[in-house]
Amino acid sequence: MSALGRSRALWNRSAPDLRSDEVLAQILDRGEVAAWRELYALAAEDAALRARIHSVIQRVPLWNGRFWLAALASLGDAVDLGESLPPER
């Protein structure tokens, strides 16, 4: 089983369906390093996934939103590292 499939962030899911923005948000916010590495590797190969990750970052309060913006920038996406993000709760 993959790191995403084993992630505790998806405790309420039977499978890591990355087509769901809610699942993406759970992984971005509560995932383990191994799950983040796997998501990063998948995003490196999938521009649509990177766009969805960026959209989630812009809409969902994440404690590590700037980290994920930097990750997207490292993959070559044009992102504004100073853009306004939803406040953490």
PDB file of N, CA and C in Angstrom:
ATOM      1  N   MET A   1       0.849  -1.181   0.000  1.00  0.00           N
ATOM      2  CA  MET A   1       0.000   0.000   0.000  1.00  0.00           C
ATOM      3  C   MET A   1       0.893   1.242   0.000  1.00  0.00           C
ATOM      4  N   SER A   2       0.467   2.261  -0.712  1.00  0.00           N
ATOM      5  CA  SER A   2       1.234   3.493  -0.824  1.00  0.00           C
ATOM      6  C   SER A   2       1.179   4.300   0.472  1.00  0.00           C
ATOM      7  N   ALA A   3       2.088   5.267   0.572  1.00  0.00           N
ATOM      8  CA  ALA A   3       2.098   6.150   1.739  1.00  0.00           C
ATOM      9  C   ALA A   3       0.789   6.927   1.832  1.00  0.00           C
ATOM     10  N   LEU A   4       0.235   7.317   0.693  1.00  0.00           N
ATOM     11  CA  LEU A   4      -1.051   8.019   0.721  1.00  0.00           C
ATOM     12  C   LEU A   4      -2.153   7.103   1.240  1.00  0.00           C
ATOM     13  N   GLY A   5      -2.126   5.865   0.837  1.00  0.00           N
ATOM     14  CA  GLY A   5      -3.131   4.905   1.285  1.00  0.00           C
ATOM     15  C   GLY A   5      -3.050   4.597   2.768  1.00  0.00           C
ATOM     16  N   ARG A   6      -1.850   4.731   3.340  1.00  0.00           N
ATOM     17  CA  ARG A   6      -1.650   4.461   4.771  1.00  0.00           C
ATOM     18  C   ARG A   6      -1.759   5.715   5.635  1.00  0.00           C
ATOM     19  N   SER A   7      -1.892   6.875   5.019  1.00  0.00           N
ATOM     20  CA  SER A   7      -1.842   8.132   5.764  1.00  0.00           C
ATOM     21  C   SER A   7      -2.945   8.231   6.819  1.00  0.00           C
ATOM     22  N   ARG A   8      -2.552   8.631   8.008  1.00  0.00           N
ATOM     23  CA  ARG A   8      -3.527   8.865   9.088  1.00  0.00           C
ATOM     24  C   ARG A   8      -4.417  10.058   8.774  1.00  0.00           C
ATOM     25  N   ALA A   9      -3.974  10.926   7.855  1.00  0.00           N
ATOM     26  CA  ALA A   9      -4.790  12.078   7.472  1.00  0.00           C
ATOM     27  C   ALA A   9      -6.109  11.637   6.853  1.00  0.00           C
ATOM     28  N   LEU A  10      -6.124  10.428   6.318  1.00  0.00           N
ATOM     29  CA  LEU A  10      -7.327   9.927   5.651  1.00  0.00           C
ATOM     30  C   LEU A  10      -8.034   8.876   6.491  1.00  0.00           C
ATOM     31  N   TRP A  11      -8.037   9.068   7.777  1.00  0.00           N
ATOM     32  CA  TRP A  11      -8.638   8.113   8.713  1.00  0.00           C
ATOM     33  C   TRP A  11     -10.101   7.835   8.394  1.00  0.00           C
ATOM     34  N   ASN A  12     -10.771   8.807   7.783  1.00  0.00           N
ATOM     35  CA  ASN A  12     -12.202   8.653   7.505  1.00  0.00           C
ATOM     36  C   ASN A  12     -12.479   8.269   6.047  1.00  0.00           C
ATOM     37  N   ARG A  13     -11.465   7.772   5.367  1.00  0.00           N
ATOM     38  CA  ARG A  13     -11.593   7.392   3.956  1.00  0.00           C
ATOM     39  C   ARG A  13     -11.167   5.942   3.766  1.00  0.00           C
ATOM     40  N   SER A  14     -11.757   5.287   2.814  1.00  0.00           N
ATOM     41  CA  SER A  14     -11.350   3.909   2.519  1.00  0.00           C
ATOM     42  C   SER A  14     -10.216   3.875   1.499  1.00  0.00           C
ATOM     43  N   ALA A  15     -10.052   4.976   0.737  1.00  0.00           N
ATOM     44  CA  ALA A  15      -8.997   5.042  -0.272  1.00  0.00           C
ATOM     45  C   ALA A  15      -8.631   6.508  -0.517  1.00  0.00           C
ATOM     46  N   PRO A  16      -7.405   6.760  -0.930  1.00  0.00           N
ATOM     47  CA  PRO A  16      -6.971   8.139  -1.190  1.00  0.00           C
ATOM     48  C   PRO A  16      -7.397   8.611  -2.581  1.00  0.00           C
ATOM     49  N   ASP A  17      -8.602   9.102  -2.715  1.00  0.00           N
ATOM     50  CA  ASP A  17      -9.123   9.571  -4.002  1.00  0.00           C
ATOM     51  C   ASP A  17      -8.675  11.013  -4.219  1.00  0.00           C
ATOM     52  N   LEU A  18      -7.611  11.199  -4.985  1.00  0.00           N
ATOM     53  CA  LEU A  18      -7.050  12.532  -5.188  1.00  0.00           C
ATOM     54  C   LEU A  18      -7.895  13.403  -6.105  1.00  0.00           C
ATOM     55  N   ARG A  19      -9.001  12.882  -6.619  1.00  0.00           N
ATOM     56  CA  ARG A  19      -9.938  13.712  -7.390  1.00  0.00           C
ATOM     57  C   ARG A  19     -10.785  14.573  -6.462  1.00  0.00           C
ATOM     58  N   SER A  20     -10.760  14.281  -5.176  1.00  0.00           N
ATOM     59  CA  SER A  20     -11.546  15.011  -4.180  1.00  0.00           C
ATOM     60  C   SER A  20     -10.706  16.124  -3.556  1.00  0.00           C
ATOM     61  N   ASP A  21     -11.215  17.363  -3.628  1.00  0.00           N
ATOM     62  CA  ASP A  21     -10.512  18.476  -2.986  1.00  0.00           C
ATOM     63  C   ASP A  21     -10.454  18.294  -1.477  1.00  0.00           C
ATOM     64  N   GLU A  22     -11.475  17.674  -0.910  1.00  0.00           N
ATOM     65  CA  GLU A  22     -11.472  17.434   0.537  1.00  0.00           C
ATOM     66  C   GLU A  22     -10.340  16.488   0.927  1.00  0.00           C
ATOM     67  N   VAL A  23     -10.123  15.455   0.138  1.00  0.00           N
ATOM     68  CA  VAL A  23      -9.022  14.523   0.403  1.00  0.00           C
ATOM     69  C   VAL A  23      -7.685  15.248   0.262  1.00  0.00           C
ATOM     70  N   LEU A  24      -7.546  16.052  -0.788  1.00  0.00           N
ATOM     71  CA  LEU A  24      -6.306  16.823  -0.954  1.00  0.00           C
ATOM     72  C   LEU A  24      -6.057  17.718   0.254  1.00  0.00           C
ATOM     73  N   ALA A  25      -7.098  18.406   0.706  1.00  0.00           N
ATOM     74  CA  ALA A  25      -6.950  19.291   1.863  1.00  0.00           C
ATOM     75  C   ALA A  25      -6.522  18.509   3.100  1.00  0.00           C
ATOM     76  N   GLN A  26      -7.104  17.340   3.304  1.00  0.00           N
ATOM     77  CA  GLN A  26      -6.728  16.525   4.464  1.00  0.00           C
ATOM     78  C   GLN A  26      -5.256  16.116   4.389  1.00  0.00           C
ATOM     79  N   ILE A  27      -4.792  15.725   3.212  1.00  0.00           N
ATOM     80  CA  ILE A  27      -3.392  15.323   3.063  1.00  0.00           C
ATOM     81  C   ILE A  27      -2.472  16.523   3.253  1.00  0.00           C
ATOM     82  N   LEU A  28      -2.803  17.658   2.631  1.00  0.00           N
ATOM     83  CA  LEU A  28      -1.963  18.849   2.756  1.00  0.00           C
ATOM     84  C   LEU A  28      -1.862  19.305   4.205  1.00  0.00           C
ATOM     85  N   ASP A  29      -2.952  19.219   4.926  1.00  0.00           N
ATOM     86  CA  ASP A  29      -2.996  19.734   6.295  1.00  0.00           C
ATOM     87  C   ASP A  29      -2.497  18.742   7.333  1.00  0.00           C
ATOM     88  N   ARG A  30      -2.848  17.469   7.187  1.00  0.00           N
ATOM     89  CA  ARG A  30      -2.580  16.508   8.260  1.00  0.00           C
ATOM     90  C   ARG A  30      -1.740  15.310   7.841  1.00  0.00           C
ATOM     91  N   GLY A  31      -1.257  15.321   6.606  1.00  0.00           N
ATOM     92  CA  GLY A  31      -0.486  14.180   6.118  1.00  0.00           C
ATOM     93  C   GLY A  31       0.885  14.060   6.764  1.00  0.00           C
ATOM     94  N   GLU A  32       1.446  12.882   6.656  1.00  0.00           N
ATOM     95  CA  GLU A  32       2.797  12.627   7.147  1.00  0.00           C
ATOM     96  C   GLU A  32       3.791  12.952   6.025  1.00  0.00           C
ATOM     97  N   VAL A  33       5.055  13.065   6.377  1.00  0.00           N
ATOM     98  CA  VAL A  33       6.088  13.403   5.401  1.00  0.00           C
ATOM     99  C   VAL A  33       6.081  12.417   4.232  1.00  0.00           C
ATOM    100  N   ALA A  34       5.922  11.132   4.499  1.00  0.00           N
ATOM    101  CA  ALA A  34       5.906  10.138   3.417  1.00  0.00           C
ATOM    102  C   ALA A  34       4.739  10.385   2.457  1.00  0.00           C
ATOM    103  N   ALA A  35       3.580  10.744   2.986  1.00  0.00           N
ATOM    104  CA  ALA A  35       2.422  11.038   2.136  1.00  0.00           C
ATOM    105  C   ALA A  35       2.669  12.314   1.335  1.00  0.00           C
ATOM    106  N   TRP A  36       3.287  13.311   1.973  1.00  0.00           N
ATOM    107  CA  TRP A  36       3.604  14.555   1.264  1.00  0.00           C
ATOM    108  C   TRP A  36       4.591  14.293   0.130  1.00  0.00           C
ATOM    109  N   ARG A  37       5.581  13.452   0.378  1.00  0.00           N
ATOM    110  CA  ARG A  37       6.555  13.127  -0.679  1.00  0.00           C
ATOM    111  C   ARG A  37       5.867  12.461  -1.862  1.00  0.00           C
ATOM    112  N   GLU A  38       4.968  11.554  -1.570  1.00  0.00           N
ATOM    113  CA  GLU A  38       4.254  10.872  -2.648  1.00  0.00           C
ATOM    114  C   GLU A  38       3.371  11.852  -3.416  1.00  0.00           C
ATOM    115  N   LEU A  39       2.673  12.729  -2.705  1.00  0.00           N
ATOM    116  CA  LEU A  39       1.836  13.731  -3.361  1.00  0.00           C
ATOM    117  C   LEU A  39       2.693  14.661  -4.218  1.00  0.00           C
ATOM    118  N   TYR A  40       3.844  15.073  -3.707  1.00  0.00           N
ATOM    119  CA  TYR A  40       4.768  15.939  -4.450  1.00  0.00           C
ATOM    120  C   TYR A  40       5.213  15.244  -5.739  1.00  0.00           C
ATOM    121  N   ALA A  41       5.570  13.970  -5.659  1.00  0.00           N
ATOM    122  CA  ALA A  41       6.007  13.216  -6.837  1.00  0.00           C
ATOM    123  C   ALA A  41       4.881  13.119  -7.869  1.00  0.00           C
ATOM    124  N   LEU A  42       3.670  12.887  -7.410  1.00  0.00           N
ATOM    125  CA  LEU A  42       2.528  12.839  -8.327  1.00  0.00           C
ATOM    126  C   LEU A  42       2.288  14.209  -8.964  1.00  0.00           C
ATOM    127  N   ALA A  43       2.389  15.262  -8.161  1.00  0.00           N
ATOM    128  CA  ALA A  43       2.173  16.620  -8.660  1.00  0.00           C
ATOM    129  C   ALA A  43       3.250  17.021  -9.668  1.00  0.00           C
ATOM    130  N   ALA A  44       4.461  16.517  -9.496  1.00  0.00           N
ATOM    131  CA  ALA A  44       5.548  16.831 -10.425  1.00  0.00           C
ATOM    132  C   ALA A  44       5.216  16.380 -11.842  1.00  0.00           C
ATOM    133  N   GLU A  45       4.393  15.358 -11.966  1.00  0.00           N
ATOM    134  CA  GLU A  45       4.031  14.793 -13.269  1.00  0.00           C
ATOM    135  C   GLU A  45       2.652  15.233 -13.765  1.00  0.00           C
ATOM    136  N   ASP A  46       1.914  16.014 -12.969  1.00  0.00           N
ATOM    137  CA  ASP A  46       0.510  16.290 -13.294  1.00  0.00           C
ATOM    138  C   ASP A  46       0.171  17.761 -13.036  1.00  0.00           C
ATOM    139  N   ALA A  47       0.170  18.557 -14.113  1.00  0.00           N
ATOM    140  CA  ALA A  47      -0.109  19.990 -13.986  1.00  0.00           C
ATOM    141  C   ALA A  47      -1.513  20.252 -13.442  1.00  0.00           C
ATOM    142  N   ALA A  48      -2.473  19.420 -13.801  1.00  0.00           N
ATOM    143  CA  ALA A  48      -3.842  19.607 -13.303  1.00  0.00           C
ATOM    144  C   ALA A  48      -3.897  19.387 -11.795  1.00  0.00           C
ATOM    145  N   LEU A  49      -3.167  18.410 -11.297  1.00  0.00           N
ATOM    146  CA  LEU A  49      -3.111  18.177  -9.848  1.00  0.00           C
ATOM    147  C   LEU A  49      -2.463  19.366  -9.153  1.00  0.00           C
ATOM    148  N   ARG A  50      -1.394  19.909  -9.734  1.00  0.00           N
ATOM    149  CA  ARG A  50      -0.751  21.091  -9.138  1.00  0.00           C
ATOM    150  C   ARG A  50      -1.725  22.263  -9.080  1.00  0.00           C
ATOM    151  N   ALA A  51      -2.506  22.462 -10.129  1.00  0.00           N
ATOM    152  CA  ALA A  51      -3.489  23.555 -10.142  1.00  0.00           C
ATOM    153  C   ALA A  51      -4.541  23.348  -9.057  1.00  0.00           C
ATOM    154  N   ARG A  52      -4.969  22.115  -8.862  1.00  0.00           N
ATOM    155  CA  ARG A  52      -5.966  21.831  -7.821  1.00  0.00           C
ATOM    156  C   ARG A  52      -5.364  22.035  -6.439  1.00  0.00           C
ATOM    157  N   ILE A  53      -4.114  21.620  -6.247  1.00  0.00           N
ATOM    158  CA  ILE A  53      -3.443  21.849  -4.963  1.00  0.00           C
ATOM    159  C   ILE A  53      -3.386  23.344  -4.689  1.00  0.00           C
ATOM    160  N   HIS A  54      -3.022  24.137  -5.700  1.00  0.00           N
ATOM    161  CA  HIS A  54      -2.959  25.589  -5.522  1.00  0.00           C
ATOM    162  C   HIS A  54      -4.328  26.147  -5.152  1.00  0.00           C
ATOM    163  N   SER A  55      -5.362  25.662  -5.801  1.00  0.00           N
ATOM    164  CA  SER A  55      -6.718  26.110  -5.498  1.00  0.00           C
ATOM    165  C   SER A  55      -7.103  25.785  -4.052  1.00  0.00           C
ATOM    166  N   VAL A  56      -6.761  24.594  -3.594  1.00  0.00           N
ATOM    167  CA  VAL A  56      -7.058  24.207  -2.204  1.00  0.00           C
ATOM    168  C   VAL A  56      -6.302  25.113  -1.242  1.00  0.00           C
ATOM    169  N   ILE A  57      -5.037  25.387  -1.528  1.00  0.00           N
ATOM    170  CA  ILE A  57      -4.228  26.257  -0.668  1.00  0.00           C
ATOM    171  C   ILE A  57      -4.879  27.631  -0.550  1.00  0.00           C
ATOM    172  N   GLN A  58      -5.432  28.128  -1.642  1.00  0.00           N
ATOM    173  CA  GLN A  58      -6.046  29.456  -1.645  1.00  0.00           C
ATOM    174  C   GLN A  58      -7.380  29.501  -0.905  1.00  0.00           C
ATOM    175  N   ARG A  59      -8.039  28.361  -0.749  1.00  0.00           N
ATOM    176  CA  ARG A  59      -9.382  28.342  -0.157  1.00  0.00           C
ATOM    177  C   ARG A  59      -9.465  27.768   1.243  1.00  0.00           C
ATOM    178  N   VAL A  60      -8.521  26.912   1.614  1.00  0.00           N
ATOM    179  CA  VAL A  60      -8.606  26.173   2.878  1.00  0.00           C
ATOM    180  C   VAL A  60      -7.539  26.672   3.842  1.00  0.00           C
ATOM    181  N   PRO A  61      -7.904  26.992   5.081  1.00  0.00           N
ATOM    182  CA  PRO A  61      -6.891  27.397   6.065  1.00  0.00           C
ATOM    183  C   PRO A  61      -5.956  26.223   6.389  1.00  0.00           C
ATOM    184  N   LEU A  62      -4.708  26.345   5.981  1.00  0.00           N
ATOM    185  CA  LEU A  62      -3.703  25.310   6.236  1.00  0.00           C
ATOM    186  C   LEU A  62      -2.569  25.907   7.055  1.00  0.00           C
ATOM    187  N   TRP A  63      -2.074  25.177   8.018  1.00  0.00           N
ATOM    188  CA  TRP A  63      -0.961  25.678   8.827  1.00  0.00           C
ATOM    189  C   TRP A  63       0.325  25.753   8.002  1.00  0.00           C
ATOM    190  N   ASN A  64       0.392  25.010   6.910  1.00  0.00           N
ATOM    191  CA  ASN A  64       1.605  24.946   6.107  1.00  0.00           C
ATOM    192  C   ASN A  64       1.366  25.392   4.662  1.00  0.00           C
ATOM    193  N   GLY A  65       0.434  26.300   4.467  1.00  0.00           N
ATOM    194  CA  GLY A  65       0.090  26.748   3.118  1.00  0.00           C
ATOM    195  C   GLY A  65       1.268  27.325   2.356  1.00  0.00           C
ATOM    196  N   ARG A  66       2.114  28.105   3.020  1.00  0.00           N
ATOM    197  CA  ARG A  66       3.281  28.697   2.342  1.00  0.00           C
ATOM    198  C   ARG A  66       4.298  27.624   1.955  1.00  0.00           C
ATOM    199  N   PHE A  67       4.415  26.590   2.772  1.00  0.00           N
ATOM    200  CA  PHE A  67       5.278  25.458   2.431  1.00  0.00           C
ATOM    201  C   PHE A  67       4.829  24.855   1.102  1.00  0.00           C
ATOM    202  N   TRP A  68       3.519  24.658   0.963  1.00  0.00           N
ATOM    203  CA  TRP A  68       3.013  24.060  -0.268  1.00  0.00           C
ATOM    204  C   TRP A  68       3.130  25.008  -1.445  1.00  0.00           C
ATOM    205  N   LEU A  69       2.997  26.315  -1.229  1.00  0.00           N
ATOM    206  CA  LEU A  69       3.244  27.266  -2.317  1.00  0.00           C
ATOM    207  C   LEU A  69       4.689  27.149  -2.795  1.00  0.00           C
ATOM    208  N   ALA A  70       5.622  27.055  -1.845  1.00  0.00           N
ATOM    209  CA  ALA A  70       7.036  26.903  -2.207  1.00  0.00           C
ATOM    210  C   ALA A  70       7.269  25.591  -2.954  1.00  0.00           C
ATOM    211  N   ALA A  71       6.578  24.538  -2.549  1.00  0.00           N
ATOM    212  CA  ALA A  71       6.707  23.252  -3.244  1.00  0.00           C
ATOM    213  C   ALA A  71       6.230  23.380  -4.688  1.00  0.00           C
ATOM    214  N   LEU A  72       5.114  24.068  -4.896  1.00  0.00           N
ATOM    215  CA  LEU A  72       4.622  24.272  -6.260  1.00  0.00           C
ATOM    216  C   LEU A  72       5.605  25.111  -7.070  1.00  0.00           C
ATOM    217  N   ALA A  73       6.180  26.134  -6.442  1.00  0.00           N
ATOM    218  CA  ALA A  73       7.180  26.960  -7.129  1.00  0.00           C
ATOM    219  C   ALA A  73       8.396  26.126  -7.516  1.00  0.00           C
ATOM    220  N   SER A  74       8.792  25.203  -6.651  1.00  0.00           N
ATOM    221  CA  SER A  74       9.954  24.360  -6.954  1.00  0.00           C
ATOM    222  C   SER A  74       9.688  23.426  -8.133  1.00  0.00           C
ATOM    223  N   LEU A  75       8.416  23.191  -8.426  1.00  0.00           N
ATOM    224  CA  LEU A  75       8.041  22.365  -9.574  1.00  0.00           C
ATOM    225  C   LEU A  75       7.882  23.200 -10.845  1.00  0.00           C
ATOM    226  N   GLY A  76       8.159  24.503 -10.744  1.00  0.00           N
ATOM    227  CA  GLY A  76       8.125  25.371 -11.910  1.00  0.00           C
ATOM    228  C   GLY A  76       6.855  26.169 -12.086  1.00  0.00           C
ATOM    229  N   ASP A  77       5.900  26.027 -11.187  1.00  0.00           N
ATOM    230  CA  ASP A  77       4.664  26.800 -11.295  1.00  0.00           C
ATOM    231  C   ASP A  77       4.921  28.247 -10.885  1.00  0.00           C
ATOM    232  N   ALA A  78       4.238  29.163 -11.554  1.00  0.00           N
ATOM    233  CA  ALA A  78       4.332  30.576 -11.205  1.00  0.00           C
ATOM    234  C   ALA A  78       3.372  30.834 -10.048  1.00  0.00           C
ATOM    235  N   VAL A  79       3.913  31.007  -8.860  1.00  0.00           N
ATOM    236  CA  VAL A  79       3.090  31.295  -7.683  1.00  0.00           C
ATOM    237  C   VAL A  79       3.637  32.531  -6.990  1.00  0.00           C
ATOM    238  N   ASP A  80       2.767  33.248  -6.337  1.00  0.00           N
ATOM    239  CA  ASP A  80       3.143  34.409  -5.537  1.00  0.00           C
ATOM    240  C   ASP A  80       3.280  33.935  -4.098  1.00  0.00           C
ATOM    241  N   LEU A  81       4.516  33.825  -3.634  1.00  0.00           N
ATOM    242  CA  LEU A  81       4.739  33.318  -2.278  1.00  0.00           C
ATOM    243  C   LEU A  81       4.174  34.251  -1.210  1.00  0.00           C
ATOM    244  N   GLY A  82       3.881  35.489  -1.581  1.00  0.00           N
ATOM    245  CA  GLY A  82       3.314  36.439  -0.632  1.00  0.00           C
ATOM    246  C   GLY A  82       1.810  36.601  -0.761  1.00  0.00           C
ATOM    247  N   GLU A  83       1.177  35.768  -1.583  1.00  0.00           N
ATOM    248  CA  GLU A  83      -0.264  35.917  -1.788  1.00  0.00           C
ATOM    249  C   GLU A  83      -1.028  35.706  -0.480  1.00  0.00           C
ATOM    250  N   SER A  84      -2.177  36.335  -0.415  1.00  0.00           N
ATOM    251  CA  SER A  84      -3.019  36.218   0.772  1.00  0.00           C
ATOM    252  C   SER A  84      -3.609  34.812   0.836  1.00  0.00           C
ATOM    253  N   LEU A  85      -3.484  34.197   2.011  1.00  0.00           N
ATOM    254  CA  LEU A  85      -4.031  32.862   2.233  1.00  0.00           C
ATOM    255  C   LEU A  85      -5.057  32.923   3.357  1.00  0.00           C
ATOM    256  N   PRO A  86      -5.993  31.982   3.386  1.00  0.00           N
ATOM    257  CA  PRO A  86      -6.973  31.966   4.476  1.00  0.00           C
ATOM    258  C   PRO A  86      -6.256  31.827   5.821  1.00  0.00           C
ATOM    259  N   PRO A  87      -6.725  32.556   6.835  1.00  0.00           N
ATOM    260  CA  PRO A  87      -6.073  32.452   8.149  1.00  0.00           C
ATOM    261  C   PRO A  87      -6.281  31.076   8.768  1.00  0.00           C
ATOM    262  N   GLU A  88      -5.270  30.636   9.494  1.00  0.00           N
ATOM    263  CA  GLU A  88      -5.395  29.364  10.220  1.00  0.00           C
ATOM    264  C   GLU A  88      -6.454  29.507  11.291  1.00  0.00           C
ATOM    265  N   ARG A  89      -7.104  28.402  11.597  1.00  0.00           N
ATOM    266  CA  ARG A  89      -8.118  28.431  12.656  1.00  0.00           C
ATOM    267  C   ARG A  89      -7.551  27.872  13.918  1.00  0.00           C
TER     268      ARG A  89
END
